């Protein structure tokens, strides 16, 4: 599993994240102090993006470590089956 495939698998998480962050930014914009609102929204969005990216990256390495042995077993079994069918 490549990192791009994992990100593609997490696309619904990232869509949900964008919706939530848009909602939070809108609430902060409508209800906050207009002098500091831009920097606060930027700070919150960057901080949350960092944590979401950290969550995604750690999840990728965890799942890669889990699925790597399974992939190797499946590929070895697949090669054995191809060799078996080649005999006939």
PDB file of N, CA and C in Angstrom:
ATOM      1  N   UNK A   1       0.852  -1.169   0.000  1.00  0.00           N
ATOM      2  CA  UNK A   1       0.000   0.000   0.000  1.00  0.00           C
ATOM      3  C   UNK A   1       0.901   1.236   0.000  1.00  0.00           C
ATOM      4  N   UNK A   2       0.710   2.081  -0.975  1.00  0.00           N
ATOM      5  CA  UNK A   2       1.486   3.316  -1.023  1.00  0.00           C
ATOM      6  C   UNK A   2       0.764   4.402  -0.215  1.00  0.00           C
ATOM      7  N   UNK A   3       1.492   5.466   0.070  1.00  0.00           N
ATOM      8  CA  UNK A   3       0.913   6.562   0.839  1.00  0.00           C
ATOM      9  C   UNK A   3      -0.223   7.213   0.051  1.00  0.00           C
ATOM     10  N   UNK A   4      -0.070   7.312  -1.267  1.00  0.00           N
ATOM     11  CA  UNK A   4      -1.123   7.894  -2.096  1.00  0.00           C
ATOM     12  C   UNK A   4      -2.393   7.053  -2.044  1.00  0.00           C
ATOM     13  N   UNK A   5      -2.260   5.744  -2.087  1.00  0.00           N
ATOM     14  CA  UNK A   5      -3.427   4.860  -1.980  1.00  0.00           C
ATOM     15  C   UNK A   5      -4.099   5.015  -0.620  1.00  0.00           C
ATOM     16  N   UNK A   6      -3.292   5.174   0.426  1.00  0.00           N
ATOM     17  CA  UNK A   6      -3.844   5.356   1.763  1.00  0.00           C
ATOM     18  C   UNK A   6      -4.605   6.679   1.862  1.00  0.00           C
ATOM     19  N   UNK A   7      -4.031   7.741   1.292  1.00  0.00           N
ATOM     20  CA  UNK A   7      -4.712   9.040   1.289  1.00  0.00           C
ATOM     21  C   UNK A   7      -6.022   8.939   0.507  1.00  0.00           C
ATOM     22  N   UNK A   8      -5.996   8.231  -0.603  1.00  0.00           N
ATOM     23  CA  UNK A   8      -7.209   8.023  -1.391  1.00  0.00           C
ATOM     24  C   UNK A   8      -8.259   7.281  -0.569  1.00  0.00           C
ATOM     25  N   UNK A   9      -7.811   6.322   0.229  1.00  0.00           N
ATOM     26  CA  UNK A   9      -8.721   5.584   1.100  1.00  0.00           C
ATOM     27  C   UNK A   9      -9.301   6.483   2.195  1.00  0.00           C
ATOM     28  N   UNK A  10      -8.548   7.483   2.614  1.00  0.00           N
ATOM     29  CA  UNK A  10      -8.983   8.403   3.672  1.00  0.00           C
ATOM     30  C   UNK A  10      -9.686   9.644   3.128  1.00  0.00           C
ATOM     31  N   UNK A  11     -10.127   9.606   1.879  1.00  0.00           N
ATOM     32  CA  UNK A  11     -10.720  10.798   1.275  1.00  0.00           C
ATOM     33  C   UNK A  11     -11.962  11.273   2.022  1.00  0.00           C
ATOM     34  N   UNK A  12     -12.765  10.377   2.568  1.00  0.00           N
ATOM     35  CA  UNK A  12     -13.962  10.803   3.297  1.00  0.00           C
ATOM     36  C   UNK A  12     -13.594  11.496   4.612  1.00  0.00           C
ATOM     37  N   UNK A  13     -12.517  11.039   5.233  1.00  0.00           N
ATOM     38  CA  UNK A  13     -12.029  11.724   6.431  1.00  0.00           C
ATOM     39  C   UNK A  13     -11.631  13.157   6.089  1.00  0.00           C
ATOM     40  N   UNK A  14     -10.903  13.341   4.977  1.00  0.00           N
ATOM     41  CA  UNK A  14     -10.439  14.672   4.603  1.00  0.00           C
ATOM     42  C   UNK A  14     -11.587  15.565   4.159  1.00  0.00           C
ATOM     43  N   UNK A  15     -12.604  15.029   3.523  1.00  0.00           N
ATOM     44  CA  UNK A  15     -13.784  15.821   3.162  1.00  0.00           C
ATOM     45  C   UNK A  15     -14.508  16.253   4.435  1.00  0.00           C
ATOM     46  N   UNK A  16     -14.676  15.327   5.362  1.00  0.00           N
ATOM     47  CA  UNK A  16     -15.302  15.664   6.650  1.00  0.00           C
ATOM     48  C   UNK A  16     -14.485  16.714   7.393  1.00  0.00           C
ATOM     49  N   UNK A  17     -13.168  16.571   7.367  1.00  0.00           N
ATOM     50  CA  UNK A  17     -12.282  17.541   8.011  1.00  0.00           C
ATOM     51  C   UNK A  17     -12.479  18.936   7.399  1.00  0.00           C
ATOM     52  N   UNK A  18     -12.536  19.029   6.091  1.00  0.00           N
ATOM     53  CA  UNK A  18     -12.733  20.328   5.443  1.00  0.00           C
ATOM     54  C   UNK A  18     -14.084  20.944   5.796  1.00  0.00           C
ATOM     55  N   UNK A  19     -15.110  20.124   5.868  1.00  0.00           N
ATOM     56  CA  UNK A  19     -16.431  20.635   6.246  1.00  0.00           C
ATOM     57  C   UNK A  19     -16.411  21.160   7.675  1.00  0.00           C
ATOM     58  N   UNK A  20     -15.825  20.398   8.585  1.00  0.00           N
ATOM     59  CA  UNK A  20     -15.757  20.818   9.988  1.00  0.00           C
ATOM     60  C   UNK A  20     -14.947  22.108  10.129  1.00  0.00           C
ATOM     61  N   UNK A  21     -13.797  22.182   9.452  1.00  0.00           N
ATOM     62  CA  UNK A  21     -12.957  23.370   9.583  1.00  0.00           C
ATOM     63  C   UNK A  21     -13.610  24.596   8.947  1.00  0.00           C
ATOM     64  N   UNK A  22     -14.370  24.405   7.894  1.00  0.00           N
ATOM     65  CA  UNK A  22     -15.120  25.513   7.304  1.00  0.00           C
ATOM     66  C   UNK A  22     -16.187  26.003   8.275  1.00  0.00           C
ATOM     67  N   UNK A  23     -16.875  25.072   8.913  1.00  0.00           N
ATOM     68  CA  UNK A  23     -17.893  25.438   9.899  1.00  0.00           C
ATOM     69  C   UNK A  23     -17.275  26.181  11.084  1.00  0.00           C
ATOM     70  N   UNK A  24     -16.175  25.676  11.600  1.00  0.00           N
ATOM     71  CA  UNK A  24     -15.508  26.319  12.743  1.00  0.00           C
ATOM     72  C   UNK A  24     -15.020  27.716  12.356  1.00  0.00           C
ATOM     73  N   UNK A  25     -14.447  27.840  11.178  1.00  0.00           N
ATOM     74  CA  UNK A  25     -13.962  29.145  10.724  1.00  0.00           C
ATOM     75  C   UNK A  25     -15.112  30.136  10.561  1.00  0.00           C
ATOM     76  N   UNK A  26     -16.223  29.651  10.034  1.00  0.00           N
ATOM     77  CA  UNK A  26     -17.392  30.514   9.869  1.00  0.00           C
ATOM     78  C   UNK A  26     -17.931  30.977  11.214  1.00  0.00           C
ATOM     79  N   UNK A  27     -18.025  30.082  12.173  1.00  0.00           N
ATOM     80  CA  UNK A  27     -18.500  30.442  13.511  1.00  0.00           C
ATOM     81  C   UNK A  27     -17.545  31.443  14.161  1.00  0.00           C
ATOM     82  N   UNK A  28     -16.249  31.219  14.016  1.00  0.00           N
ATOM     83  CA  UNK A  28     -15.273  32.161  14.583  1.00  0.00           C
ATOM     84  C   UNK A  28     -15.373  33.529  13.909  1.00  0.00           C
ATOM     85  N   UNK A  29     -15.599  33.529  12.601  1.00  0.00           N
ATOM     86  CA  UNK A  29     -15.692  34.789  11.871  1.00  0.00           C
ATOM     87  C   UNK A  29     -16.928  35.579  12.284  1.00  0.00           C
ATOM     88  N   UNK A  30     -18.042  34.892  12.456  1.00  0.00           N
ATOM     89  CA  UNK A  30     -19.293  35.584  12.776  1.00  0.00           C
ATOM     90  C   UNK A  30     -19.381  36.008  14.239  1.00  0.00           C
ATOM     91  N   UNK A  31     -18.706  35.295  15.124  1.00  0.00           N
ATOM     92  CA  UNK A  31     -18.878  35.592  16.534  1.00  0.00           C
ATOM     93  C   UNK A  31     -17.656  36.138  17.237  1.00  0.00           C
ATOM     94  N   UNK A  32     -16.616  36.469  16.503  1.00  0.00           N
ATOM     95  CA  UNK A  32     -15.381  36.851  17.157  1.00  0.00           C
ATOM     96  C   UNK A  32     -15.051  38.323  17.054  1.00  0.00           C
ATOM     97  N   UNK A  33     -13.943  38.664  17.668  1.00  0.00           N
ATOM     98  CA  UNK A  33     -13.391  40.011  17.615  1.00  0.00           C
ATOM     99  C   UNK A  33     -12.793  40.221  16.225  1.00  0.00           C
ATOM    100  N   UNK A  34     -13.287  41.209  15.493  1.00  0.00           N
ATOM    101  CA  UNK A  34     -12.894  41.365  14.100  1.00  0.00           C
ATOM    102  C   UNK A  34     -11.466  41.872  13.923  1.00  0.00           C
ATOM    103  N   UNK A  35     -10.817  42.342  14.975  1.00  0.00           N
ATOM    104  CA  UNK A  35      -9.430  42.787  14.855  1.00  0.00           C
ATOM    105  C   UNK A  35      -8.470  41.601  14.813  1.00  0.00           C
ATOM    106  N   UNK A  36      -8.760  40.549  15.538  1.00  0.00           N
ATOM    107  CA  UNK A  36      -7.869  39.398  15.629  1.00  0.00           C
ATOM    108  C   UNK A  36      -8.412  38.156  14.925  1.00  0.00           C
ATOM    109  N   UNK A  37      -9.507  38.296  14.237  1.00  0.00           N
ATOM    110  CA  UNK A  37     -10.187  37.114  13.712  1.00  0.00           C
ATOM    111  C   UNK A  37      -9.371  36.391  12.646  1.00  0.00           C
ATOM    112  N   UNK A  38      -8.697  37.124  11.791  1.00  0.00           N
ATOM    113  CA  UNK A  38      -7.925  36.494  10.726  1.00  0.00           C
ATOM    114  C   UNK A  38      -6.793  35.645  11.254  1.00  0.00           C
ATOM    115  N   UNK A  39      -6.061  36.177  12.218  1.00  0.00           N
ATOM    116  CA  UNK A  39      -4.940  35.416  12.771  1.00  0.00           C
ATOM    117  C   UNK A  39      -5.434  34.225  13.587  1.00  0.00           C
ATOM    118  N   UNK A  40      -6.550  34.376  14.288  1.00  0.00           N
ATOM    119  CA  UNK A  40      -7.094  33.253  15.061  1.00  0.00           C
ATOM    120  C   UNK A  40      -7.578  32.124  14.154  1.00  0.00           C
ATOM    121  N   UNK A  41      -8.262  32.477  13.085  1.00  0.00           N
ATOM    122  CA  UNK A  41      -8.739  31.458  12.151  1.00  0.00           C
ATOM    123  C   UNK A  41      -7.565  30.747  11.500  1.00  0.00           C
ATOM    124  N   UNK A  42      -6.564  31.505  11.107  1.00  0.00           N
ATOM    125  CA  UNK A  42      -5.376  30.912  10.499  1.00  0.00           C
ATOM    126  C   UNK A  42      -4.668  29.988  11.486  1.00  0.00           C
ATOM    127  N   UNK A  43      -4.525  30.413  12.724  1.00  0.00           N
ATOM    128  CA  UNK A  43      -3.867  29.598  13.748  1.00  0.00           C
ATOM    129  C   UNK A  43      -4.623  28.286  13.990  1.00  0.00           C
ATOM    130  N   UNK A  44      -5.920  28.370  14.129  1.00  0.00           N
ATOM    131  CA  UNK A  44      -6.733  27.170  14.371  1.00  0.00           C
ATOM    132  C   UNK A  44      -6.656  26.219  13.178  1.00  0.00           C
ATOM    133  N   UNK A  45      -6.770  26.744  11.964  1.00  0.00           N
ATOM    134  CA  UNK A  45      -6.730  25.892  10.773  1.00  0.00           C
ATOM    135  C   UNK A  45      -5.381  25.219  10.596  1.00  0.00           C
ATOM    136  N   UNK A  46      -4.296  25.938  10.812  1.00  0.00           N
ATOM    137  CA  UNK A  46      -2.964  25.339  10.681  1.00  0.00           C
ATOM    138  C   UNK A  46      -2.737  24.288  11.763  1.00  0.00           C
ATOM    139  N   UNK A  47      -3.142  24.590  12.985  1.00  0.00           N
ATOM    140  CA  UNK A  47      -2.963  23.636  14.080  1.00  0.00           C
ATOM    141  C   UNK A  47      -3.764  22.357  13.839  1.00  0.00           C
ATOM    142  N   UNK A  48      -5.001  22.495  13.459  1.00  0.00           N
ATOM    143  CA  UNK A  48      -5.838  21.318  13.220  1.00  0.00           C
ATOM    144  C   UNK A  48      -5.347  20.531  12.009  1.00  0.00           C
ATOM    145  N   UNK A  49      -4.873  21.226  10.977  1.00  0.00           N
ATOM    146  CA  UNK A  49      -4.326  20.531   9.813  1.00  0.00           C
ATOM    147  C   UNK A  49      -3.089  19.723  10.200  1.00  0.00           C
ATOM    148  N   UNK A  50      -2.252  20.304  11.047  1.00  0.00           N
ATOM    149  CA  UNK A  50      -1.057  19.589  11.507  1.00  0.00           C
ATOM    150  C   UNK A  50      -1.446  18.303  12.233  1.00  0.00           C
ATOM    151  N   UNK A  51      -2.419  18.376  13.136  1.00  0.00           N
ATOM    152  CA  UNK A  51      -2.834  17.188  13.881  1.00  0.00           C
ATOM    153  C   UNK A  51      -3.529  16.162  12.979  1.00  0.00           C
ATOM    154  N   UNK A  52      -4.314  16.617  12.009  1.00  0.00           N
ATOM    155  CA  UNK A  52      -4.956  15.688  11.075  1.00  0.00           C
ATOM    156  C   UNK A  52      -3.909  15.005  10.197  1.00  0.00           C
ATOM    157  N   UNK A  53      -2.895  15.748   9.777  1.00  0.00           N
ATOM    158  CA  UNK A  53      -1.821  15.167   8.981  1.00  0.00           C
ATOM    159  C   UNK A  53      -1.003  14.183   9.807  1.00  0.00           C
ATOM    160  N   UNK A  54      -0.765  14.514  11.056  1.00  0.00           N
ATOM    161  CA  UNK A  54      -0.054  13.617  11.960  1.00  0.00           C
ATOM    162  C   UNK A  54      -0.856  12.328  12.161  1.00  0.00           C
ATOM    163  N   UNK A  55      -2.153  12.454  12.365  1.00  0.00           N
ATOM    164  CA  UNK A  55      -3.034  11.295  12.517  1.00  0.00           C
ATOM    165  C   UNK A  55      -2.984  10.413  11.272  1.00  0.00           C
ATOM    166  N   UNK A  56      -3.051  11.021  10.111  1.00  0.00           N
ATOM    167  CA  UNK A  56      -3.029  10.272   8.859  1.00  0.00           C
ATOM    168  C   UNK A  56      -1.691   9.576   8.647  1.00  0.00           C
ATOM    169  N   UNK A  57      -0.601  10.257   8.930  1.00  0.00           N
ATOM    170  CA  UNK A  57       0.726   9.680   8.729  1.00  0.00           C
ATOM    171  C   UNK A  57       0.976   8.517   9.677  1.00  0.00           C
ATOM    172  N   UNK A  58       0.636   8.681  10.943  1.00  0.00           N
ATOM    173  CA  UNK A  58       0.809   7.591  11.910  1.00  0.00           C
ATOM    174  C   UNK A  58      -0.076   6.402  11.525  1.00  0.00           C
ATOM    175  N   UNK A  59      -1.300   6.674  11.101  1.00  0.00           N
ATOM    176  CA  UNK A  59      -2.196   5.612  10.666  1.00  0.00           C
ATOM    177  C   UNK A  59      -1.654   4.860   9.468  1.00  0.00           C
ATOM    178  N   UNK A  60      -1.009   5.572   8.544  1.00  0.00           N
ATOM    179  CA  UNK A  60      -0.431   4.911   7.376  1.00  0.00           C
ATOM    180  C   UNK A  60       0.668   3.942   7.785  1.00  0.00           C
ATOM    181  N   UNK A  61       1.596   4.387   8.638  1.00  0.00           N
ATOM    182  CA  UNK A  61       2.694   3.509   9.032  1.00  0.00           C
ATOM    183  C   UNK A  61       2.204   2.337   9.881  1.00  0.00           C
ATOM    184  N   UNK A  62       1.191   2.556  10.692  1.00  0.00           N
ATOM    185  CA  UNK A  62       0.619   1.467  11.480  1.00  0.00           C
ATOM    186  C   UNK A  62      -0.012   0.414  10.568  1.00  0.00           C
ATOM    187  N   UNK A  63      -0.823   0.875   9.622  1.00  0.00           N
ATOM    188  CA  UNK A  63      -1.486  -0.065   8.726  1.00  0.00           C
ATOM    189  C   UNK A  63      -0.516  -0.715   7.757  1.00  0.00           C
ATOM    190  N   UNK A  64       0.508   0.000   7.346  1.00  0.00           N
ATOM    191  CA  UNK A  64       1.509  -0.589   6.464  1.00  0.00           C
ATOM    192  C   UNK A  64       2.229  -1.728   7.178  1.00  0.00           C
ATOM    193  N   UNK A  65       2.575  -1.511   8.432  1.00  0.00           N
ATOM    194  CA  UNK A  65       3.237  -2.557   9.220  1.00  0.00           C
ATOM    195  C   UNK A  65       2.306  -3.756   9.413  1.00  0.00           C
ATOM    196  N   UNK A  66       1.011  -3.514   9.516  1.00  0.00           N
ATOM    197  CA  UNK A  66       0.045  -4.590   9.695  1.00  0.00           C
ATOM    198  C   UNK A  66      -0.184  -5.358   8.396  1.00  0.00           C
ATOM    199  N   UNK A  67      -0.336  -4.650   7.275  1.00  0.00           N
ATOM    200  CA  UNK A  67      -0.696  -5.287   6.013  1.00  0.00           C
ATOM    201  C   UNK A  67       0.490  -5.843   5.236  1.00  0.00           C
ATOM    202  N   UNK A  68       1.697  -5.422   5.533  1.00  0.00           N
ATOM    203  CA  UNK A  68       2.859  -5.892   4.782  1.00  0.00           C
ATOM    204  C   UNK A  68       3.022  -7.417   4.844  1.00  0.00           C
ATOM    205  N   UNK A  69       2.993  -8.043   6.028  1.00  0.00           N
ATOM    206  CA  UNK A  69       3.093  -9.518   6.054  1.00  0.00           C
ATOM    207  C   UNK A  69       1.937 -10.207   5.336  1.00  0.00           C
ATOM    208  N   UNK A  70       0.744  -9.676   5.441  1.00  0.00           N
ATOM    209  CA  UNK A  70      -0.397 -10.271   4.747  1.00  0.00           C
ATOM    210  C   UNK A  70      -0.217 -10.199   3.237  1.00  0.00           C
ATOM    211  N   UNK A  71       0.270  -9.084   2.759  1.00  0.00           N
ATOM    212  CA  UNK A  71       0.511  -8.927   1.320  1.00  0.00           C
ATOM    213  C   UNK A  71       1.553  -9.911   0.833  1.00  0.00           C
ATOM    214  N   UNK A  72       2.608 -10.109   1.620  1.00  0.00           N
ATOM    215  CA  UNK A  72       3.654 -11.055   1.229  1.00  0.00           C
ATOM    216  C   UNK A  72       3.115 -12.483   1.164  1.00  0.00           C
ATOM    217  N   UNK A  73       2.278 -12.859   2.113  1.00  0.00           N
ATOM    218  CA  UNK A  73       1.685 -14.203   2.108  1.00  0.00           C
ATOM    219  C   UNK A  73       0.778 -14.377   0.897  1.00  0.00           C
ATOM    220  N   UNK A  74      -0.035 -13.393   0.619  1.00  0.00           N
ATOM    221  CA  UNK A  74      -0.945 -13.480  -0.524  1.00  0.00           C
ATOM    222  C   UNK A  74      -0.160 -13.582  -1.829  1.00  0.00           C
ATOM    223  N   UNK A  75       0.896 -12.778  -1.971  1.00  0.00           N
ATOM    224  CA  UNK A  75       1.694 -12.820  -3.198  1.00  0.00           C
ATOM    225  C   UNK A  75       2.414 -14.158  -3.347  1.00  0.00           C
ATOM    226  N   UNK A  76       2.914 -14.703  -2.252  1.00  0.00           N
ATOM    227  CA  UNK A  76       3.595 -15.996  -2.352  1.00  0.00           C
ATOM    228  C   UNK A  76       2.599 -17.097  -2.712  1.00  0.00           C
ATOM    229  N   UNK A  77       1.421 -17.051  -2.152  1.00  0.00           N
ATOM    230  CA  UNK A  77       0.395 -18.045  -2.487  1.00  0.00           C
ATOM    231  C   UNK A  77      -0.032 -17.891  -3.939  1.00  0.00           C
ATOM    232  N   UNK A  78      -0.104 -16.655  -4.401  1.00  0.00           N
ATOM    233  CA  UNK A  78      -0.492 -16.395  -5.784  1.00  0.00           C
ATOM    234  C   UNK A  78       0.540 -16.973  -6.744  1.00  0.00           C
ATOM    235  N   UNK A  79       1.813 -16.800  -6.431  1.00  0.00           N
ATOM    236  CA  UNK A  79       2.876 -17.344  -7.283  1.00  0.00           C
ATOM    237  C   UNK A  79       2.837 -18.872  -7.288  1.00  0.00           C
ATOM    238  N   UNK A  80       2.588 -19.478  -6.152  1.00  0.00           N
ATOM    239  CA  UNK A  80       2.494 -20.941  -6.084  1.00  0.00           C
ATOM    240  C   UNK A  80       1.317 -21.453  -6.908  1.00  0.00           C
ATOM    241  N   UNK A  81       0.207 -20.752  -6.868  1.00  0.00           N
ATOM    242  CA  UNK A  81      -0.952 -21.155  -7.665  1.00  0.00           C
ATOM    243  C   UNK A  81      -0.658 -21.027  -9.155  1.00  0.00           C
ATOM    244  N   UNK A  82       0.043 -19.962  -9.548  1.00  0.00           N
ATOM    245  CA  UNK A  82       0.396 -19.804 -10.962  1.00  0.00           C
ATOM    246  C   UNK A  82       1.317 -20.923 -11.418  1.00  0.00           C
ATOM    247  N   UNK A  83       2.258 -21.312 -10.570  1.00  0.00           N
ATOM    248  CA  UNK A  83       3.168 -22.410 -10.908  1.00  0.00           C
ATOM    249  C   UNK A  83       2.375 -23.728 -11.026  1.00  0.00           C
ATOM    250  N   UNK A  84       1.425 -23.916 -10.147  1.00  0.00           N
ATOM    251  CA  UNK A  84       0.622 -25.124 -10.171  1.00  0.00           C
ATOM    252  C   UNK A  84      -0.215 -25.197 -11.446  1.00  0.00           C
ATOM    253  N   UNK A  85      -0.823 -24.078 -11.860  1.00  0.00           N
ATOM    254  CA  UNK A  85      -1.618 -24.067 -13.084  1.00  0.00           C
ATOM    255  C   UNK A  85      -0.746 -24.173 -14.330  1.00  0.00           C
ATOM    256  N   UNK A  86       0.481 -23.711 -14.235  1.00  0.00           N
ATOM    257  CA  UNK A  86       1.392 -23.809 -15.391  1.00  0.00           C
ATOM    258  C   UNK A  86       1.736 -25.260 -15.706  1.00  0.00           C
ATOM    259  N   UNK A  87       1.654 -26.116 -14.719  1.00  0.00           N
ATOM    260  CA  UNK A  87       1.960 -27.529 -14.918  1.00  0.00           C
ATOM    261  C   UNK A  87       0.909 -28.210 -15.793  1.00  0.00           C
ATOM    262  N   UNK A  88      -0.317 -27.719 -15.738  1.00  0.00           N
ATOM    263  CA  UNK A  88      -1.401 -28.381 -16.442  1.00  0.00           C
ATOM    264  C   UNK A  88      -1.661 -27.743 -17.756  1.00  0.00           C
TER     265      UNK A  88
END
